[in-house]
C-alpha atoms as a PDB file:
ATOM      1  CA  UNK A   1       0.000   0.000   0.000  1.00  0.00           C
ATOM      2  CA  UNK A   2       1.393   3.395  -0.991  1.00  0.00           C
ATOM      3  CA  UNK A   3       1.703   6.277   1.446  1.00  0.00           C
ATOM      4  CA  UNK A   4      -1.166   8.073  -0.296  1.00  0.00           C
ATOM      5  CA  UNK A   5      -3.395   5.003  -0.032  1.00  0.00           C
ATOM      6  CA  UNK A   6      -2.603   4.584   3.667  1.00  0.00           C
ATOM      7  CA  UNK A   7      -3.411   8.231   4.274  1.00  0.00           C
ATOM      8  CA  UNK A   8      -6.747   7.879   2.489  1.00  0.00           C
ATOM      9  CA  UNK A   9      -7.612   4.684   4.367  1.00  0.00           C
ATOM     10  CA  UNK A  10      -6.885   6.125   7.811  1.00  0.00           C
ATOM     11  CA  UNK A  11      -8.570   9.353   6.810  1.00  0.00           C
ATOM     12  CA  UNK A  12     -11.794   7.363   7.053  1.00  0.00           C
ATOM     13  CA  UNK A  13     -10.749   5.029   9.867  1.00  0.00           C
ATOM     14  CA  UNK A  14     -10.132   7.668  12.528  1.00  0.00           C
ATOM     15  CA  UNK A  15     -13.744   8.876  12.238  1.00  0.00           C
ATOM     16  CA  UNK A  16     -15.185   5.551  13.472  1.00  0.00           C
ATOM     17  CA  UNK A  17     -17.502   6.441  16.387  1.00  0.00           C
ATOM     18  CA  UNK A  18     -16.180   3.467  18.371  1.00  0.00           C
ATOM     19  CA  UNK A  19     -12.763   5.142  18.519  1.00  0.00           C
ATOM     20  CA  UNK A  20     -14.006   8.439  19.946  1.00  0.00           C
ATOM     21  CA  UNK A  21     -16.788   7.098  22.189  1.00  0.00           C
ATOM     22  CA  UNK A  22     -15.761   3.857  23.847  1.00  0.00           C
ATOM     23  CA  UNK A  23     -15.119   2.453  27.291  1.00  0.00           C
ATOM     24  CA  UNK A  24     -11.588   1.628  26.206  1.00  0.00           C
ATOM     25  CA  UNK A  25     -10.868   5.259  25.281  1.00  0.00           C
ATOM     26  CA  UNK A  26     -12.332   6.485  28.572  1.00  0.00           C
ATOM     27  CA  UNK A  27     -10.188   3.997  30.462  1.00  0.00           C
ATOM     28  CA  UNK A  28      -7.023   5.103  28.625  1.00  0.00           C
ATOM     29  CA  UNK A  29      -7.798   8.754  29.336  1.00  0.00           C
ATOM     30  CA  UNK A  30      -8.268   8.107  33.048  1.00  0.00           C
ATOM     31  CA  UNK A  31      -5.169   5.920  33.238  1.00  0.00           C
ATOM     32  CA  UNK A  32      -3.140   8.637  31.494  1.00  0.00           C
ATOM     33  CA  UNK A  33      -4.374  11.737  33.303  1.00  0.00           C
ATOM     34  CA  UNK A  34      -3.662  10.255  36.748  1.00  0.00           C
ATOM     35  CA  UNK A  35      -0.017   9.447  36.072  1.00  0.00           C
ATOM     36  CA  UNK A  36       2.375  11.678  37.986  1.00  0.00           C
ATOM     37  CA  UNK A  37       4.852  11.764  35.124  1.00  0.00           C
ATOM     38  CA  UNK A  38       2.181  12.955  32.694  1.00  0.00           C
ATOM     39  CA  UNK A  39       0.970  15.671  35.068  1.00  0.00           C
ATOM     40  CA  UNK A  40       4.536  16.879  35.663  1.00  0.00           C
ATOM     41  CA  UNK A  41       5.651  16.729  32.034  1.00  0.00           C
ATOM     42  CA  UNK A  42       6.196  19.967  30.144  1.00  0.00           C
ATOM     43  CA  UNK A  43       5.925  18.271  26.740  1.00  0.00           C
ATOM     44  CA  UNK A  44       3.705  15.376  25.604  1.00  0.00           C
ATOM     45  CA  UNK A  45       3.539  13.808  22.145  1.00  0.00           C
ATOM     46  CA  UNK A  46       0.664  11.508  21.116  1.00  0.00           C
ATOM     47  CA  UNK A  47       1.573   9.254  18.181  1.00  0.00           C
ATOM     48  CA  UNK A  48      -1.596   8.269  16.317  1.00  0.00           C
ATOM     49  CA  UNK A  49      -3.716  10.686  18.318  1.00  0.00           C
ATOM     50  CA  UNK A  50      -6.975  10.699  16.330  1.00  0.00           C
ATOM     51  CA  UNK A  51      -8.724  13.997  16.954  1.00  0.00           C
ATOM     52  CA  UNK A  52      -6.852  14.479  20.227  1.00  0.00           C
ATOM     53  CA  UNK A  53      -9.261  13.285  22.938  1.00  0.00           C
ATOM     54  CA  UNK A  54      -6.437  12.068  25.188  1.00  0.00           C
ATOM     55  CA  UNK A  55      -4.345  15.208  24.729  1.00  0.00           C
ATOM     56  CA  UNK A  56      -7.345  17.451  25.405  1.00  0.00           C
ATOM     57  CA  UNK A  57      -7.972  15.570  28.662  1.00  0.00           C
ATOM     58  CA  UNK A  58      -4.447  16.271  29.962  1.00  0.00           C
ATOM     59  CA  UNK A  59      -4.233  19.899  28.836  1.00  0.00           C
ATOM     60  CA  UNK A  60      -2.593  22.177  31.379  1.00  0.00           C
ATOM     61  CA  UNK A  61      -1.171  25.682  31.333  1.00  0.00           C
ATOM     62  CA  UNK A  62       2.437  25.706  30.207  1.00  0.00           C
ATOM     63  CA  UNK A  63       2.363  22.132  28.879  1.00  0.00           C
ATOM     64  CA  UNK A  64       3.252  21.577  25.228  1.00  0.00           C
ATOM     65  CA  UNK A  65       0.807  19.122  23.687  1.00  0.00           C
ATOM     66  CA  UNK A  66       1.469  17.708  20.236  1.00  0.00           C
ATOM     67  CA  UNK A  67      -0.148  14.990  18.138  1.00  0.00           C
ATOM     68  CA  UNK A  68       0.730  13.228  14.906  1.00  0.00           C
ATOM     69  CA  UNK A  69      -1.695  11.373  12.665  1.00  0.00           C
ATOM     70  CA  UNK A  70      -1.853   9.782   9.218  1.00  0.00           C
ATOM     71  CA  UNK A  71      -4.970  11.744   8.315  1.00  0.00           C
ATOM     72  CA  UNK A  72      -4.762  15.443   7.489  1.00  0.00           C
ATOM     73  CA  UNK A  73      -8.438  15.724   8.517  1.00  0.00           C
ATOM     74  CA  UNK A  74      -7.627  14.334  11.934  1.00  0.00           C
ATOM     75  CA  UNK A  75      -4.798  16.855  12.233  1.00  0.00           C
ATOM     76  CA  UNK A  76      -7.231  19.641  11.331  1.00  0.00           C
ATOM     77  CA  UNK A  77      -9.593  18.434  14.071  1.00  0.00           C
ATOM     78  CA  UNK A  78      -6.675  18.383  16.478  1.00  0.00           C
ATOM     79  CA  UNK A  79      -5.691  21.937  15.620  1.00  0.00           C
ATOM     80  CA  UNK A  80      -9.315  23.005  16.042  1.00  0.00           C
ATOM     81  CA  UNK A  81      -8.914  21.964  19.682  1.00  0.00           C
ATOM     82  CA  UNK A  82      -5.946  24.340  19.912  1.00  0.00           C
ATOM     83  CA  UNK A  83      -3.402  21.502  19.956  1.00  0.00           C
ATOM     84  CA  UNK A  84      -0.270  21.326  17.826  1.00  0.00           C
ATOM     85  CA  UNK A  85      -0.678  18.701  15.102  1.00  0.00           C
ATOM     86  CA  UNK A  86       1.345  17.187  12.253  1.00  0.00           C
ATOM     87  CA  UNK A  87       0.382  14.809   9.432  1.00  0.00           C
ATOM     88  CA  UNK A  88       2.929  11.989   9.320  1.00  0.00           C
ATOM     89  CA  UNK A  89       3.109   8.640   7.532  1.00  0.00           C
ATOM     90  CA  UNK A  90       3.520   6.473  10.626  1.00  0.00           C
ATOM     91  CA  UNK A  91       4.438   3.484   8.496  1.00  0.00           C
ATOM     92  CA  UNK A  92       7.471   4.865   6.757  1.00  0.00           C
ATOM     93  CA  UNK A  93       7.941   8.469   7.770  1.00  0.00           C
ATOM     94  CA  UNK A  94      10.235  10.017  10.340  1.00  0.00           C
ATOM     95  CA  UNK A  95       8.646  11.849  13.245  1.00  0.00           C
ATOM     96  CA  UNK A  96       9.342  15.558  12.585  1.00  0.00           C
ATOM     97  CA  UNK A  97      11.022  16.207  15.922  1.00  0.00           C
ATOM     98  CA  UNK A  98      14.521  16.385  17.357  1.00  0.00           C
ATOM     99  CA  UNK A  99      16.068  13.608  19.404  1.00  0.00           C
ATOM    100  CA  UNK A 100      14.808  13.678  23.003  1.00  0.00           C
ATOM    101  CA  UNK A 101      12.304  16.481  22.352  1.00  0.00           C
ATOM    102  CA  UNK A 102       9.442  15.110  24.513  1.00  0.00           C
ATOM    103  CA  UNK A 103       9.272  14.142  28.178  1.00  0.00           C
ATOM    104  CA  UNK A 104       6.291  11.845  27.578  1.00  0.00           C
ATOM    105  CA  UNK A 105       5.269  10.010  24.410  1.00  0.00           C
ATOM    106  CA  UNK A 106       1.890   8.280  24.089  1.00  0.00           C
ATOM    107  CA  UNK A 107       1.107   5.610  21.502  1.00  0.00           C
ATOM    108  CA  UNK A 108      -2.250   3.956  22.112  1.00  0.00           C
ATOM    109  CA  UNK A 109      -3.525   1.129  19.897  1.00  0.00           C
ATOM    110  CA  UNK A 110      -1.374   2.088  16.920  1.00  0.00           C
ATOM    111  CA  UNK A 111       1.450  -0.468  16.783  1.00  0.00           C
ATOM    112  CA  UNK A 112      -0.963  -3.204  15.679  1.00  0.00           C
ATOM    113  CA  UNK A 113      -1.944  -1.088  12.652  1.00  0.00           C
ATOM    114  CA  UNK A 114       1.513  -0.787  11.051  1.00  0.00           C
ATOM    115  CA  UNK A 115       3.547  -3.329   9.100  1.00  0.00           C
ATOM    116  CA  UNK A 116       6.773  -2.463  10.917  1.00  0.00           C
ATOM    117  CA  UNK A 117       5.923  -1.654  14.565  1.00  0.00           C
ATOM    118  CA  UNK A 118       9.594  -1.983  15.502  1.00  0.00           C
ATOM    119  CA  UNK A 119      10.414   0.931  13.211  1.00  0.00           C
ATOM    120  CA  UNK A 120       7.766   3.191  14.711  1.00  0.00           C
ATOM    121  CA  UNK A 121       8.877   2.155  18.195  1.00  0.00           C
ATOM    122  CA  UNK A 122      12.428   3.195  17.311  1.00  0.00           C
ATOM    123  CA  UNK A 123      11.172   6.642  16.300  1.00  0.00           C
ATOM    124  CA  UNK A 124       9.247   6.924  19.575  1.00  0.00           C
ATOM    125  CA  UNK A 125      12.417   6.066  21.468  1.00  0.00           C
ATOM    126  CA  UNK A 126      14.417   8.610  19.465  1.00  0.00           C
ATOM    127  CA  UNK A 127      12.155  11.576  20.255  1.00  0.00           C
ATOM    128  CA  UNK A 128      11.728  10.579  23.918  1.00  0.00           C
ATOM    129  CA  UNK A 129      13.946  12.312  26.476  1.00  0.00           C
ATOM    130  CA  UNK A 130      16.495  10.048  28.166  1.00  0.00           C
ATOM    131  CA  UNK A 131      14.626  10.312  31.472  1.00  0.00           C
ATOM    132  CA  UNK A 132      11.190  10.355  29.836  1.00  0.00           C
ATOM    133  CA  UNK A 133       8.290   7.913  29.843  1.00  0.00           C
ATOM    134  CA  UNK A 134       6.568   6.191  26.923  1.00  0.00           C
ATOM    135  CA  UNK A 135       2.966   5.070  27.507  1.00  0.00           C
ATOM    136  CA  UNK A 136       2.219   2.286  25.046  1.00  0.00           C
ATOM    137  CA  UNK A 137      -0.975   0.287  24.557  1.00  0.00           C
ATOM    138  CA  UNK A 138      -1.895  -2.642  22.281  1.00  0.00           C
ATOM    139  CA  UNK A 139      -4.865  -5.031  22.220  1.00  0.00           C
ATOM    140  CA  UNK A 140      -4.479  -8.625  23.368  1.00  0.00           C
ATOM    141  CA  UNK A 141      -5.435 -10.718  20.343  1.00  0.00           C
ATOM    142  CA  UNK A 142      -5.313 -13.938  22.385  1.00  0.00           C
ATOM    143  CA  UNK A 143      -7.920 -12.912  24.947  1.00  0.00           C
ATOM    144  CA  UNK A 144     -10.321 -15.672  25.972  1.00  0.00           C
ATOM    145  CA  UNK A 145     -13.240 -14.294  23.960  1.00  0.00           C
ATOM    146  CA  UNK A 146     -11.308 -14.243  20.700  1.00  0.00           C
ATOM    147  CA  UNK A 147     -10.121 -17.785  21.377  1.00  0.00           C
ATOM    148  CA  UNK A 148     -13.670 -19.010  21.883  1.00  0.00           C
ATOM    149  CA  UNK A 149     -14.869 -17.291  18.716  1.00  0.00           C
ATOM    150  CA  UNK A 150     -11.971 -18.767  16.740  1.00  0.00           C
ATOM    151  CA  UNK A 151     -12.859 -22.244  18.020  1.00  0.00           C
ATOM    152  CA  UNK A 152     -16.394 -21.747  16.733  1.00  0.00           C
ATOM    153  CA  UNK A 153     -14.984 -21.279  13.233  1.00  0.00           C
ATOM    154  CA  UNK A 154     -15.513 -17.521  13.027  1.00  0.00           C
ATOM    155  CA  UNK A 155     -13.071 -14.621  13.030  1.00  0.00           C
ATOM    156  CA  UNK A 156     -14.026 -11.706  15.248  1.00  0.00           C
ATOM    157  CA  UNK A 157     -11.435  -9.591  17.044  1.00  0.00           C
ATOM    158  CA  UNK A 158     -13.415  -7.937  19.818  1.00  0.00           C
ATOM    159  CA  UNK A 159     -10.841  -5.113  20.120  1.00  0.00           C
ATOM    160  CA  UNK A 160     -11.126  -4.230  16.430  1.00  0.00           C
ATOM    161  CA  UNK A 161     -13.880  -2.184  14.783  1.00  0.00           C
ATOM    162  CA  UNK A 162     -14.001  -3.959  11.417  1.00  0.00           C
ATOM    163  CA  UNK A 163     -16.626  -6.568  12.383  1.00  0.00           C
ATOM    164  CA  UNK A 164     -19.028  -3.830  13.504  1.00  0.00           C
ATOM    165  CA  UNK A 165     -19.123  -2.297  10.046  1.00  0.00           C
ATOM    166  CA  UNK A 166     -19.164  -5.586   8.151  1.00  0.00           C
ATOM    167  CA  UNK A 167     -15.647  -5.298   6.724  1.00  0.00           C
ATOM    168  CA  UNK A 168     -14.151  -8.537   5.452  1.00  0.00           C
ATOM    169  CA  UNK A 169     -10.749  -8.100   7.056  1.00  0.00           C
ATOM    170  CA  UNK A 170      -9.396  -6.924  10.373  1.00  0.00           C
ATOM    171  CA  UNK A 171      -7.776  -3.484  10.607  1.00  0.00           C
ATOM    172  CA  UNK A 172      -5.050  -5.050  12.740  1.00  0.00           C
ATOM    173  CA  UNK A 173      -1.937  -5.935  10.759  1.00  0.00           C
ATOM    174  CA  UNK A 174       0.138  -7.174  13.702  1.00  0.00           C
ATOM    175  CA  UNK A 175      -1.387  -9.409  16.359  1.00  0.00           C
ATOM    176  CA  UNK A 176      -0.063  -9.103  19.901  1.00  0.00           C
ATOM    177  CA  UNK A 177      -0.127 -11.220  23.006  1.00  0.00           C
ATOM    178  CA  UNK A 178       1.628 -10.328  26.245  1.00  0.00           C
ATOM    179  CA  UNK A 179       4.843 -12.172  25.458  1.00  0.00           C
ATOM    180  CA  UNK A 180       5.194 -10.733  21.954  1.00  0.00           C
ATOM    181  CA  UNK A 181       4.486  -7.181  23.157  1.00  0.00           C
ATOM    182  CA  UNK A 182       7.151  -7.433  25.841  1.00  0.00           C
ATOM    183  CA  UNK A 183       9.653  -8.934  23.404  1.00  0.00           C
ATOM    184  CA  UNK A 184       9.017  -6.015  21.028  1.00  0.00           C
ATOM    185  CA  UNK A 185       9.626  -3.505  23.813  1.00  0.00           C
ATOM    186  CA  UNK A 186      12.760  -5.250  25.041  1.00  0.00           C
ATOM    187  CA  UNK A 187      14.174  -5.458  21.519  1.00  0.00           C
ATOM    188  CA  UNK A 188      13.298  -1.802  20.964  1.00  0.00           C
ATOM    189  CA  UNK A 189      15.368  -0.622  23.917  1.00  0.00           C
ATOM    190  CA  UNK A 190      12.601  -0.112  26.485  1.00  0.00           C
ATOM    191  CA  UNK A 191      12.251  -1.225  30.074  1.00  0.00           C
ATOM    192  CA  UNK A 192       8.721  -1.730  31.424  1.00  0.00           C
ATOM    193  CA  UNK A 193       8.186   0.326  34.577  1.00  0.00           C
ATOM    194  CA  UNK A 194       4.469  -0.393  35.074  1.00  0.00           C
ATOM    195  CA  UNK A 195       1.953  -2.831  33.600  1.00  0.00           C
ATOM    196  CA  UNK A 196      -1.800  -2.190  33.509  1.00  0.00           C
ATOM    197  CA  UNK A 197      -4.446  -4.421  31.964  1.00  0.00           C
ATOM    198  CA  UNK A 198      -7.754  -3.424  30.436  1.00  0.00           C
ATOM    199  CA  UNK A 199     -11.110  -5.141  30.693  1.00  0.00           C
ATOM    200  CA  UNK A 200     -14.447  -3.337  30.162  1.00  0.00           C
ATOM    201  CA  UNK A 201     -16.798  -2.693  33.049  1.00  0.00           C
ATOM    202  CA  UNK A 202     -19.551  -4.059  30.803  1.00  0.00           C
ATOM    203  CA  UNK A 203     -19.782  -5.787  27.451  1.00  0.00           C
ATOM    204  CA  UNK A 204     -20.955  -3.294  24.831  1.00  0.00           C
ATOM    205  CA  UNK A 205     -19.681  -5.072  21.721  1.00  0.00           C
ATOM    206  CA  UNK A 206     -22.233  -7.339  20.024  1.00  0.00           C
ATOM    207  CA  UNK A 207     -19.327  -9.394  18.724  1.00  0.00           C
ATOM    208  CA  UNK A 208     -18.836 -10.797  22.209  1.00  0.00           C
ATOM    209  CA  UNK A 209     -22.337 -12.247  22.156  1.00  0.00           C
ATOM    210  CA  UNK A 210     -22.857 -11.998  25.923  1.00  0.00           C
ATOM    211  CA  UNK A 211     -25.056  -9.930  28.247  1.00  0.00           C
ATOM    212  CA  UNK A 212     -23.249  -6.749  29.263  1.00  0.00           C
ATOM    213  CA  UNK A 213     -23.474  -7.553  32.979  1.00  0.00           C
ATOM    214  CA  UNK A 214     -21.418 -10.751  32.586  1.00  0.00           C
ATOM    215  CA  UNK A 215     -18.266  -8.624  32.391  1.00  0.00           C
ATOM    216  CA  UNK A 216     -18.421  -8.580  36.184  1.00  0.00           C
ATOM    217  CA  UNK A 217     -17.467 -12.259  36.213  1.00  0.00           C
ATOM    218  CA  UNK A 218     -14.023 -11.076  35.152  1.00  0.00           C
ATOM    219  CA  UNK A 219     -13.774  -7.640  36.760  1.00  0.00           C
ATOM    220  CA  UNK A 220     -14.962  -8.502  40.288  1.00  0.00           C
ATOM    221  CA  UNK A 221     -12.282 -11.172  40.898  1.00  0.00           C
ATOM    222  CA  UNK A 222      -9.878  -9.041  38.773  1.00  0.00           C
ATOM    223  CA  UNK A 223      -9.051 -11.953  36.496  1.00  0.00           C
ATOM    224  CA  UNK A 224      -7.716  -9.576  33.839  1.00  0.00           C
ATOM    225  CA  UNK A 225      -5.004  -8.490  36.284  1.00  0.00           C
ATOM    226  CA  UNK A 226      -4.319 -11.895  37.799  1.00  0.00           C
ATOM    227  CA  UNK A 227      -4.334 -13.749  34.442  1.00  0.00           C
ATOM    228  CA  UNK A 228      -3.736 -11.008  31.847  1.00  0.00           C
ATOM    229  CA  UNK A 229      -2.536 -13.352  29.102  1.00  0.00           C
ATOM    230  CA  UNK A 230      -5.971 -14.933  29.019  1.00  0.00           C
ATOM    231  CA  UNK A 231      -8.406 -12.276  30.246  1.00  0.00           C
ATOM    232  CA  UNK A 232      -6.944  -8.821  29.518  1.00  0.00           C
ATOM    233  CA  UNK A 233      -8.397  -7.118  26.449  1.00  0.00           C
ATOM    234  CA  UNK A 234      -5.476  -4.707  26.226  1.00  0.00           C
ATOM    235  CA  UNK A 235      -2.003  -4.112  27.631  1.00  0.00           C
ATOM    236  CA  UNK A 236      -1.122  -0.589  28.815  1.00  0.00           C
ATOM    237  CA  UNK A 237       2.561  -0.232  29.737  1.00  0.00           C
ATOM    238  CA  UNK A 238       4.572   2.684  31.080  1.00  0.00           C
ATOM    239  CA  UNK A 239       8.088   2.309  29.720  1.00  0.00           C
ATOM    240  CA  UNK A 240      11.457   3.957  30.097  1.00  0.00           C
ATOM    241  CA  UNK A 241      14.517   3.879  27.907  1.00  0.00           C
ATOM    242  CA  UNK A 242      16.735   0.909  28.729  1.00  0.00           C
ATOM    243  CA  UNK A 243      20.397   1.679  28.910  1.00  0.00           C
ATOM    244  CA  UNK A 244      22.262   0.442  25.870  1.00  0.00           C
ATOM    245  CA  UNK A 245      25.138  -1.920  26.584  1.00  0.00           C
ATOM    246  CA  UNK A 246      28.550  -0.334  26.131  1.00  0.00           C
ATOM    247  CA  UNK A 247      30.423  -1.446  23.012  1.00  0.00           C
END
């Protein structure tokens, strides 16, 4: 897919109502805004920011907020919020910032959408300050509900939006489980400082095929935290730069 085709595709994708109005987005916003390092940071970059809902939620006087997106329309929506925005090809482009320019870098549910997540992760590491924090989130493809659906002979990724609109194929190009995500981070020069695991307070996705209240069977005993490989819907990690071994 050419850069122009990717831009056109994600120009439509970012408008999906599930991305701007979802329990998962609300959870990520709350998890982000309560982090001490985010509150104290003077500069925050959101890679794959959509229209900037997360950045708008952490806005504070004197804090530089910046977002990058594939879609020029999304960047226009970001700027309409009064937030700095740049259109960037996240698949093959270089982030238009100097080394170590940001104290915090966010990248939520983006790495699964690119062919070369290790390349984008390297750019995130480059623009992150040496003592900064990267907040990174990916969906868990091997959650129990996907496994059960796969066993039934169907393909539905409950953390993707494609099945809701009747698309033939998933929007996720790279499929993560906990082990693979952590191997990617380790190979990309990051150390995990904190792990958090997402599970919805209620089922709102018809693809799950269960009453919404049954989510409590997981959340009350906190199975998504005790057994994240099986029950977590998403992995939300706070990472720091690992020190490179001396040559």
